[in-house]
Amino acid sequence: MNGKPTYEKLEQRVNKLEKEALDRKRARAEEEKRELEAKFHQAQKIEAIGTLAEGIAHDFNNLFMAIQGNVSLMLFHIDSTHPHYEVLNNIAKQVKNGTQLTRQLLGYSRKGRYYVQPINLNQIVEETSETFGRTKKEISIHRDLVEDLFAIEADQGQIEQVLLNLFVNAGDAMPLGGDLILKTMNVTDKDMDGKLYDPKPGNYVQLTVTDTGRGMDKETMERMFDPFFTTKEMGRGTGLGLASTYGIIKGHGGYIDVESEKGRGTTFTVNLRATEEKVEETVRAAEQIVKGTGTILLVDDEDRVMDVGTRLIERLGYAVLEARGGREAVEIYKDNKDKIDLVILDLVMPRMGGEEAYDRMKDINPNVKVLLASGYSVDSRAKEILKCGCDAFIQKPFDVQELSQKTRDVLDKK
């Protein structure tokens, strides 16, 4: 045979190579399957925690409503020379700090969009990064912002929160200084091929936030969007920053990805749906307390909210009818429709919620004026009611000044 391999040996070698290739392919498939299952379980966990966060935020906002309303009533009657003025003002400030936390929780649960309008992301990136840069002079900020960037339809305050969360996260990763690179560009869904999600077709605005910091290990990356997870020492962070960032982006119909390696920095990539709507500059009028006359039907299932809400409305000069739930509200409206000028309607109530109550009242009077109130924010349910003709939305907790403005705006509508 002169040392040459026989046909049988060649066949055995080929079979062995084929088996090894098949085993490698099977191993890769198993690894991909495990990764997809891990992503799926992570998504389920995030969804479950989001539902919990949403409920907690709603209940806290109702609690803050009682505190804010009572403080607002007391401040209504005193001036800055009163010995209790500063104390009451401090309570009001702490309530605002508390509502910032509930905003983050609502953001995480994807219920954090308040006032959605066409905005220019470049402008927000410039302004927010300049503000951040003044507090972190050891960090060099580089901006590569494309001209003629598509507009996005979003809540400006929430997008500012996302940017600050990402900037603060980058700053924490670079305690001795470094580079923060911000880049925007126009993309399409085709540019997001190869992701585990399937983006909706269309145009997107892409923002990348890259730092040259210490990066993250695999374990940290798996948990970074979990609420209350933080790598900071006790007392230096709530663990809600990246969690609320994730929720806000998802709530806006966008996508967020992260690439990081220990010792090699981190890049967050955010893609938000573009809109053809034009960005308009709006000037907000100075707020003041506006009194009025007439009758308002206040609908809420929580006694503490009803109590303070009634006193706020009466302080503004209106008469109040109270309904502790949707069914009672419909009956009261049916009997008093000719003298009720406005309904302030809670969205989430047992047995009959705000949606059904609104529909029933609209059947009684197609021109009924309704101000929707909720401890949640403008979520899909509220948006549907607003589209169906509900006049306006007010977020709990609110003070007497905000209530007076919203009430007057609705009553003045033709």
Protein backbone atom coordinates (compact mmCIF):
# COMPACT_ATOMS: atom_id res chain seq x y z
CA MET A 1 0.00 0.00 0.00
CA ASN A 2 3.16 2.23 0.21
CA GLY A 3 1.79 3.99 3.32
CA LYS A 4 -1.07 5.58 1.43
CA PRO A 5 -4.42 5.83 3.28
CA THR A 6 -7.03 3.39 2.13
CA TYR A 7 -10.43 4.49 0.88
CA GLU A 8 -12.00 3.29 4.13
CA LYS A 9 -9.61 5.43 6.19
CA LEU A 10 -10.34 8.48 4.04
CA GLU A 11 -14.05 7.90 4.46
CA GLN A 12 -13.61 7.58 8.24
CA ARG A 13 -11.65 10.85 8.36
CA VAL A 14 -14.31 12.64 6.32
CA ASN A 15 -17.04 11.29 8.58
CA LYS A 16 -15.11 12.38 11.64
CA LEU A 17 -14.64 15.89 10.28
CA GLU A 18 -18.32 16.10 9.37
CA LYS A 19 -19.31 14.94 12.85
CA GLU A 20 -17.00 17.51 14.47
CA ALA A 21 -18.45 20.26 12.28
CA LEU A 22 -21.97 19.13 13.15
CA ASP A 23 -21.12 19.07 16.86
CA ARG A 24 -19.71 22.61 16.66
CA LYS A 25 -22.83 23.78 14.82
CA ARG A 26 -25.05 22.11 17.40
CA ALA A 27 -23.04 23.67 20.26
CA ARG A 28 -23.39 27.13 18.69
CA ALA A 29 -27.13 26.59 18.27
CA GLU A 30 -27.45 25.50 21.91
CA GLU A 31 -25.48 28.55 23.05
CA GLU A 32 -27.69 30.88 20.97
CA LYS A 33 -30.77 29.16 22.39
CA ARG A 34 -29.52 29.67 25.95
CA GLU A 35 -28.80 33.35 25.24
CA LEU A 36 -32.28 33.87 23.76
CA GLU A 37 -33.90 32.11 26.73
CA ALA A 38 -31.89 34.30 29.12
CA LYS A 39 -32.99 37.44 27.23
CA PHE A 40 -36.60 36.24 27.29
CA HIS A 41 -36.54 35.57 31.05
CA GLN A 42 -34.88 38.96 31.59
CA ALA A 43 -37.63 40.66 29.57
CA GLN A 44 -40.30 38.81 31.59
CA LYS A 45 -38.65 39.89 34.84
CA ILE A 46 -38.41 43.51 33.68
CA GLU A 47 -42.09 43.44 32.64
CA ALA A 48 -43.18 42.02 36.01
CA ILE A 49 -41.12 44.51 38.01
CA GLY A 50 -42.42 47.28 35.76
CA THR A 51 -46.02 46.39 36.65
CA LEU A 52 -45.10 46.48 40.35
CA ALA A 53 -43.26 49.81 39.92
CA GLU A 54 -46.28 51.26 38.13
CA GLY A 55 -48.62 50.38 40.99
CA ILE A 56 -46.24 51.73 43.63
CA ALA A 57 -45.82 55.01 41.71
CA HIS A 58 -49.58 55.42 41.34
CA ASP A 59 -50.21 54.88 45.06
CA PHE A 60 -47.39 57.22 46.05
CA ASN A 61 -48.69 59.93 43.73
CA ASN A 62 -52.10 59.72 45.40
CA LEU A 63 -50.38 59.96 48.79
CA PHE A 64 -48.34 62.95 47.60
CA MET A 65 -51.58 64.47 46.28
CA ALA A 66 -52.95 64.65 49.82
CA ILE A 67 -49.71 66.17 51.17
CA GLN A 68 -49.22 68.59 48.27
CA GLY A 69 -52.85 69.67 48.31
CA ASN A 70 -52.90 70.42 52.03
CA VAL A 71 -49.60 72.31 51.89
CA SER A 72 -50.89 74.26 48.90
CA LEU A 73 -54.02 75.22 50.84
CA MET A 74 -51.96 76.48 53.79
CA LEU A 75 -49.58 78.46 51.57
CA PHE A 76 -52.61 79.99 49.86
CA HIS A 77 -53.42 81.92 53.05
CA ILE A 78 -49.99 83.04 54.27
CA ASP A 79 -47.21 85.22 52.90
CA SER A 80 -43.43 84.94 53.07
CA THR A 81 -43.29 86.75 56.44
CA HIS A 82 -45.28 84.04 58.23
CA PRO A 83 -43.14 81.95 60.64
CA HIS A 84 -44.40 78.70 59.05
CA TYR A 85 -43.87 79.80 55.44
CA GLU A 86 -40.37 78.32 55.03
CA VAL A 87 -41.37 75.07 56.74
CA LEU A 88 -44.33 74.62 54.41
CA ASN A 89 -42.20 75.53 51.41
CA ASN A 90 -39.67 72.87 52.43
CA ILE A 91 -42.44 70.28 52.66
CA ALA A 92 -43.59 71.25 49.16
CA LYS A 93 -40.01 70.87 47.88
CA GLN A 94 -39.69 67.41 49.44
CA VAL A 95 -42.96 66.37 47.82
CA LYS A 96 -41.50 67.45 44.47
CA ASN A 97 -38.40 65.39 45.17
CA GLY A 98 -40.65 62.44 45.94
CA THR A 99 -42.59 62.89 42.73
CA GLN A 100 -39.29 62.83 40.82
CA LEU A 101 -38.77 59.31 42.18
CA THR A 102 -42.28 58.28 41.13
CA ARG A 103 -41.54 59.73 37.69
CA GLN A 104 -38.54 57.43 37.48
CA LEU A 105 -40.70 54.49 38.54
CA LEU A 106 -43.33 55.44 35.97
CA GLY A 107 -40.56 55.80 33.42
CA TYR A 108 -39.35 52.28 34.22
CA SER A 109 -42.88 50.92 33.91
CA ARG A 110 -43.21 52.74 30.55
CA LYS A 111 -45.94 55.00 31.95
CA GLY A 112 -43.76 58.12 32.07
CA ARG A 113 -44.73 60.11 28.98
CA TYR A 114 -46.43 63.36 29.93
CA TYR A 115 -46.42 65.98 27.15
CA VAL A 116 -45.49 64.43 23.82
CA GLN A 117 -44.57 66.82 21.02
CA PRO A 118 -42.13 67.04 18.09
CA ILE A 119 -38.67 67.92 19.43
CA ASN A 120 -35.13 68.38 18.10
CA LEU A 121 -32.86 65.83 19.76
CA ASN A 122 -29.69 67.71 18.77
CA GLN A 123 -30.80 70.76 20.72
CA ILE A 124 -31.55 68.69 23.83
CA VAL A 125 -28.23 66.84 23.56
CA GLU A 126 -26.33 70.15 23.31
CA GLU A 127 -28.13 71.82 26.20
CA THR A 128 -28.08 68.80 28.51
CA SER A 129 -24.45 67.94 27.84
CA GLU A 130 -23.41 71.57 28.43
CA THR A 131 -25.16 71.51 31.80
CA PHE A 132 -23.50 68.19 32.68
CA GLY A 133 -20.11 69.44 31.48
CA ARG A 134 -20.18 72.36 33.89
CA THR A 135 -20.36 69.90 36.80
CA LYS A 136 -17.74 67.49 35.40
CA LYS A 137 -14.88 69.61 34.13
CA GLU A 138 -12.49 66.62 34.19
CA ILE A 139 -14.50 65.01 31.37
CA SER A 140 -14.00 66.13 27.75
CA ILE A 141 -17.27 66.13 25.83
CA HIS A 142 -17.17 65.58 22.07
CA ARG A 143 -20.30 66.14 19.95
CA ASP A 144 -20.81 64.79 16.45
CA LEU A 145 -24.38 65.87 15.71
CA VAL A 146 -25.63 65.42 12.17
CA GLU A 147 -27.31 68.38 10.47
CA ASP A 148 -30.92 68.05 9.30
CA LEU A 149 -31.63 65.47 11.98
CA PHE A 150 -35.16 64.08 11.85
CA ALA A 151 -37.52 65.31 14.56
CA ILE A 152 -38.79 62.85 17.16
CA GLU A 153 -42.17 62.87 18.90
CA ALA A 154 -41.40 62.65 22.59
CA ASP A 155 -41.73 64.11 26.06
CA GLN A 156 -38.85 66.57 26.29
CA GLY A 157 -38.53 66.28 30.07
CA GLN A 158 -38.32 62.50 29.88
CA ILE A 159 -35.71 62.57 27.11
CA GLU A 160 -33.66 65.06 29.14
CA GLN A 161 -33.86 62.61 32.04
CA VAL A 162 -32.61 59.80 29.79
CA LEU A 163 -29.64 61.88 28.66
CA LEU A 164 -28.72 62.95 32.19
CA ASN A 165 -28.98 59.35 33.40
CA LEU A 166 -26.61 58.21 30.64
CA PHE A 167 -24.21 61.11 31.27
CA VAL A 168 -24.15 60.51 35.02
CA ASN A 169 -23.56 56.80 34.42
CA ALA A 170 -20.65 57.68 32.13
CA GLY A 171 -19.26 60.15 34.68
CA ASP A 172 -19.35 57.49 37.42
CA ALA A 173 -17.38 55.19 35.11
CA MET A 174 -14.68 57.88 34.66
CA PRO A 175 -13.92 59.18 38.19
CA LEU A 176 -10.48 60.42 37.11
CA GLY A 177 -11.73 61.95 33.87
CA GLY A 178 -11.99 60.78 30.30
CA ASP A 179 -13.88 61.33 27.07
CA LEU A 180 -17.63 61.39 26.50
CA ILE A 181 -18.54 61.08 22.82
CA LEU A 182 -22.06 62.00 21.71
CA LYS A 183 -23.20 61.23 18.20
CA THR A 184 -26.55 61.58 16.39
CA MET A 185 -27.55 60.39 12.94
CA ASN A 186 -30.57 59.50 10.82
CA VAL A 187 -31.08 55.75 10.33
CA THR A 188 -33.78 53.31 9.25
CA ASP A 189 -34.97 50.00 10.64
CA LYS A 190 -32.63 48.29 8.14
CA ASP A 191 -29.66 49.71 10.06
CA MET A 192 -30.80 47.74 13.10
CA ASP A 193 -30.57 44.31 11.46
CA GLY A 194 -29.06 41.55 13.56
CA LYS A 195 -30.73 42.60 16.83
CA LEU A 196 -32.79 40.27 18.99
CA TYR A 197 -35.78 42.60 18.51
CA ASP A 198 -37.59 43.29 15.24
CA PRO A 199 -37.85 47.09 14.85
CA LYS A 200 -40.91 48.58 13.21
CA PRO A 201 -40.25 49.75 9.64
CA GLY A 202 -39.46 53.42 9.16
CA ASN A 203 -37.03 56.21 9.93
CA TYR A 204 -35.27 56.57 13.26
CA VAL A 205 -33.04 59.04 15.05
CA GLN A 206 -30.01 57.33 16.55
CA LEU A 207 -28.04 58.63 19.52
CA THR A 208 -24.84 56.97 20.75
CA VAL A 209 -23.29 57.84 24.11
CA THR A 210 -19.75 56.48 24.45
CA ASP A 211 -17.42 56.81 27.42
CA THR A 212 -13.80 55.75 27.90
CA GLY A 213 -14.43 54.52 31.42
CA ARG A 214 -13.91 51.25 33.23
CA GLY A 215 -16.65 49.37 31.38
CA MET A 216 -18.91 46.64 32.74
CA ASP A 217 -18.55 42.91 33.27
CA LYS A 218 -21.15 40.42 32.04
CA GLU A 219 -22.92 40.16 35.41
CA THR A 220 -23.36 43.94 35.67
CA MET A 221 -24.64 44.18 32.09
CA GLU A 222 -27.25 41.51 32.80
CA ARG A 223 -28.63 43.50 35.76
CA MET A 224 -28.01 47.14 34.81
CA PHE A 225 -31.64 47.82 33.81
CA ASP A 226 -33.06 46.25 37.00
CA PRO A 227 -34.64 48.84 39.32
CA PHE A 228 -32.71 49.50 42.53
CA PHE A 229 -29.61 47.72 41.20
CA THR A 230 -26.54 49.91 41.63
CA THR A 231 -22.80 49.45 41.79
CA LYS A 232 -22.46 52.65 43.84
CA GLU A 233 -21.82 52.62 47.54
CA MET A 234 -24.72 52.99 49.98
CA GLY A 235 -26.41 56.39 49.86
CA ARG A 236 -24.90 57.46 46.53
CA GLY A 237 -27.57 56.25 44.15
CA THR A 238 -31.18 55.03 43.97
CA GLY A 239 -30.56 52.36 41.33
CA LEU A 240 -33.36 53.84 39.22
CA GLY A 241 -31.34 55.76 36.62
CA LEU A 242 -30.77 53.11 33.96
CA ALA A 243 -33.99 51.32 34.89
CA SER A 244 -36.07 54.42 34.17
CA THR A 245 -33.97 55.09 31.05
CA TYR A 246 -34.92 51.67 29.71
CA GLY A 247 -38.60 52.21 30.49
CA ILE A 248 -38.73 55.70 28.99
CA ILE A 249 -37.15 54.58 25.72
CA LYS A 250 -39.47 51.58 25.49
CA GLY A 251 -42.44 53.78 26.40
CA HIS A 252 -41.58 56.02 23.45
CA GLY A 253 -41.53 53.03 21.10
CA GLY A 254 -37.74 53.12 20.84
CA TYR A 255 -34.86 50.72 21.40
CA ILE A 256 -31.74 50.84 23.56
CA ASP A 257 -28.63 48.67 23.21
CA VAL A 258 -25.37 48.59 25.12
CA GLU A 259 -21.87 47.39 24.31
CA SER A 260 -19.26 47.26 27.03
CA GLU A 261 -16.13 45.46 28.08
CA LYS A 262 -14.31 45.62 31.38
CA GLY A 263 -11.59 48.26 31.09
CA ARG A 264 -12.64 49.37 27.60
CA GLY A 265 -15.53 51.74 28.10
CA THR A 266 -19.24 51.59 27.29
CA THR A 267 -21.47 52.63 24.41
CA PHE A 268 -25.23 53.07 24.73
CA THR A 269 -27.16 53.26 21.46
CA VAL A 270 -30.67 54.72 21.51
CA ASN A 271 -32.98 54.58 18.49
CA LEU A 272 -36.19 56.66 18.56
CA ARG A 273 -38.89 56.79 15.90
CA ALA A 274 -38.68 59.82 13.63
CA THR A 275 -41.69 62.01 12.85
CA GLU A 276 -42.52 64.27 9.92
CA GLU A 277 -44.16 66.76 12.27
CA LYS A 278 -42.35 70.10 12.52
CA VAL A 279 -40.70 71.26 15.73
CA GLU A 280 -42.43 74.33 17.11
CA GLU A 281 -41.05 76.66 19.73
CA THR A 282 -43.54 77.22 22.53
CA VAL A 283 -43.46 79.98 25.12
CA ARG A 284 -45.10 79.05 28.40
CA ALA A 285 -47.16 81.78 30.02
CA ALA A 286 -46.46 82.70 33.62
CA GLU A 287 -48.70 80.67 35.92
CA GLN A 288 -50.98 82.33 38.41
CA ILE A 289 -54.01 81.33 40.45
CA VAL A 290 -57.23 81.96 38.52
CA LYS A 291 -60.51 81.79 40.42
CA GLY A 292 -63.90 81.09 38.90
CA THR A 293 -67.55 80.25 39.46
CA GLY A 294 -69.75 77.30 38.60
CA THR A 295 -70.10 73.68 39.69
CA ILE A 296 -67.51 70.94 39.36
CA LEU A 297 -68.14 67.21 39.77
CA LEU A 298 -65.08 65.62 41.39
CA VAL A 299 -64.77 61.86 40.82
CA ASP A 300 -62.23 59.79 42.81
CA ASP A 301 -62.37 56.57 44.80
CA GLU A 302 -59.79 57.60 47.43
CA ASP A 303 -61.05 59.56 50.44
CA ARG A 304 -57.78 61.45 51.02
CA VAL A 305 -57.71 62.66 47.41
CA MET A 306 -61.41 63.53 47.48
CA ASP A 307 -61.02 65.50 50.71
CA VAL A 308 -58.13 67.67 49.61
CA GLY A 309 -59.44 67.98 46.05
CA THR A 310 -62.80 69.30 47.28
CA ARG A 311 -61.14 71.92 49.44
CA LEU A 312 -58.83 73.02 46.60
CA ILE A 313 -61.77 73.42 44.21
CA GLU A 314 -63.84 75.32 46.77
CA ARG A 315 -60.87 77.60 47.48
CA LEU A 316 -60.91 78.53 43.79
CA GLY A 317 -64.53 79.65 44.06
CA TYR A 318 -66.38 76.67 42.58
CA ALA A 319 -69.16 74.58 44.12
CA VAL A 320 -68.32 70.86 44.35
CA LEU A 321 -70.33 67.67 43.87
CA GLU A 322 -68.53 64.51 45.01
CA ALA A 323 -68.66 61.04 43.45
CA ARG A 324 -66.65 58.16 44.92
CA GLY A 325 -66.46 56.02 41.82
CA GLY A 326 -67.54 55.84 38.20
CA ARG A 327 -71.06 54.51 38.73
CA GLU A 328 -71.92 57.18 41.29
CA ALA A 329 -70.44 59.82 38.97
CA VAL A 330 -72.73 58.78 36.09
CA GLU A 331 -75.81 58.89 38.34
CA ILE A 332 -74.92 62.30 39.78
CA TYR A 333 -74.17 63.68 36.31
CA LYS A 334 -77.46 62.33 34.95
CA ASP A 335 -79.39 64.18 37.70
CA ASN A 336 -77.33 67.40 37.58
CA LYS A 337 -76.07 67.72 34.00
CA ASP A 338 -77.59 71.16 33.51
CA LYS A 339 -75.67 72.72 36.39
CA ILE A 340 -72.35 70.81 36.20
CA ASP A 341 -69.81 72.91 34.29
CA LEU A 342 -66.86 70.52 34.53
CA VAL A 343 -66.05 66.96 35.60
CA ILE A 344 -62.65 66.18 37.14
CA LEU A 345 -62.44 62.45 36.54
CA ASP A 346 -60.01 59.93 38.04
CA LEU A 347 -58.83 57.35 35.51
CA VAL A 348 -58.27 54.21 37.61
CA MET A 349 -61.18 53.20 39.85
CA PRO A 350 -62.71 49.83 40.82
CA ARG A 351 -65.91 48.47 39.19
CA MET A 352 -66.28 51.35 36.73
CA GLY A 353 -63.14 53.17 35.63
CA GLY A 354 -62.67 56.56 34.03
CA GLU A 355 -63.00 55.31 30.46
CA GLU A 356 -66.46 53.81 30.91
CA ALA A 357 -67.66 56.66 33.12
CA TYR A 358 -66.60 59.16 30.46
CA ASP A 359 -68.41 57.22 27.72
CA ARG A 360 -71.61 57.08 29.82
CA MET A 361 -71.51 60.81 30.59
CA LYS A 362 -70.83 61.61 26.95
CA ASP A 363 -73.95 59.60 26.02
CA ILE A 364 -75.92 61.80 28.43
CA ASN A 365 -74.33 65.03 27.14
CA PRO A 366 -72.06 64.97 24.07
CA ASN A 367 -70.63 68.36 25.13
CA VAL A 368 -69.61 67.32 28.64
CA LYS A 369 -66.34 68.97 29.71
CA VAL A 370 -63.91 66.59 31.41
CA LEU A 371 -60.50 67.10 33.01
CA LEU A 372 -58.89 63.67 33.38
CA ALA A 373 -56.78 63.18 36.54
CA SER A 374 -54.50 60.29 37.41
CA GLY A 375 -51.64 59.15 39.60
CA TYR A 376 -50.34 57.53 36.42
CA SER A 377 -49.32 59.66 33.46
CA VAL A 378 -50.60 60.01 29.91
CA ASP A 379 -50.55 56.30 29.09
CA SER A 380 -52.42 54.56 26.27
CA ARG A 381 -55.73 54.53 28.16
CA ALA A 382 -55.60 58.25 28.92
CA LYS A 383 -54.55 59.03 25.34
CA GLU A 384 -57.55 57.11 23.97
CA ILE A 385 -59.96 59.09 26.16
CA LEU A 386 -58.29 62.35 25.14
CA LYS A 387 -58.64 61.36 21.48
CA CYS A 388 -62.35 60.66 22.04
CA GLY A 389 -62.95 64.24 23.15
CA CYS A 390 -61.87 64.45 26.79
CA ASP A 391 -60.63 68.02 27.20
CA ALA A 392 -57.36 67.82 29.17
CA PHE A 393 -55.19 65.82 31.57
CA ILE A 394 -53.74 66.71 34.98
CA GLN A 395 -51.08 64.65 36.72
CA LYS A 396 -51.33 63.92 40.43
CA PRO A 397 -50.02 65.38 42.65
CA PHE A 398 -51.05 68.90 41.65
CA ASP A 399 -51.27 72.12 43.64
CA VAL A 400 -53.91 74.85 43.69
CA GLN A 401 -52.06 76.89 41.06
CA GLU A 402 -51.88 74.08 38.54
CA LEU A 403 -55.48 73.06 39.20
CA SER A 404 -56.69 76.62 38.68
CA GLN A 405 -54.91 76.89 35.33
CA LYS A 406 -56.14 73.53 34.00
CA THR A 407 -59.70 74.16 35.19
CA ARG A 408 -59.79 77.58 33.56
CA ASP A 409 -58.30 76.27 30.30
CA VAL A 410 -61.02 73.63 29.98
CA LEU A 411 -63.89 75.92 30.97
CA ASP A 412 -62.74 78.55 28.47
CA LYS A 413 -62.80 76.06 25.59
CA LYS A 414 -65.53 76.75 23.05
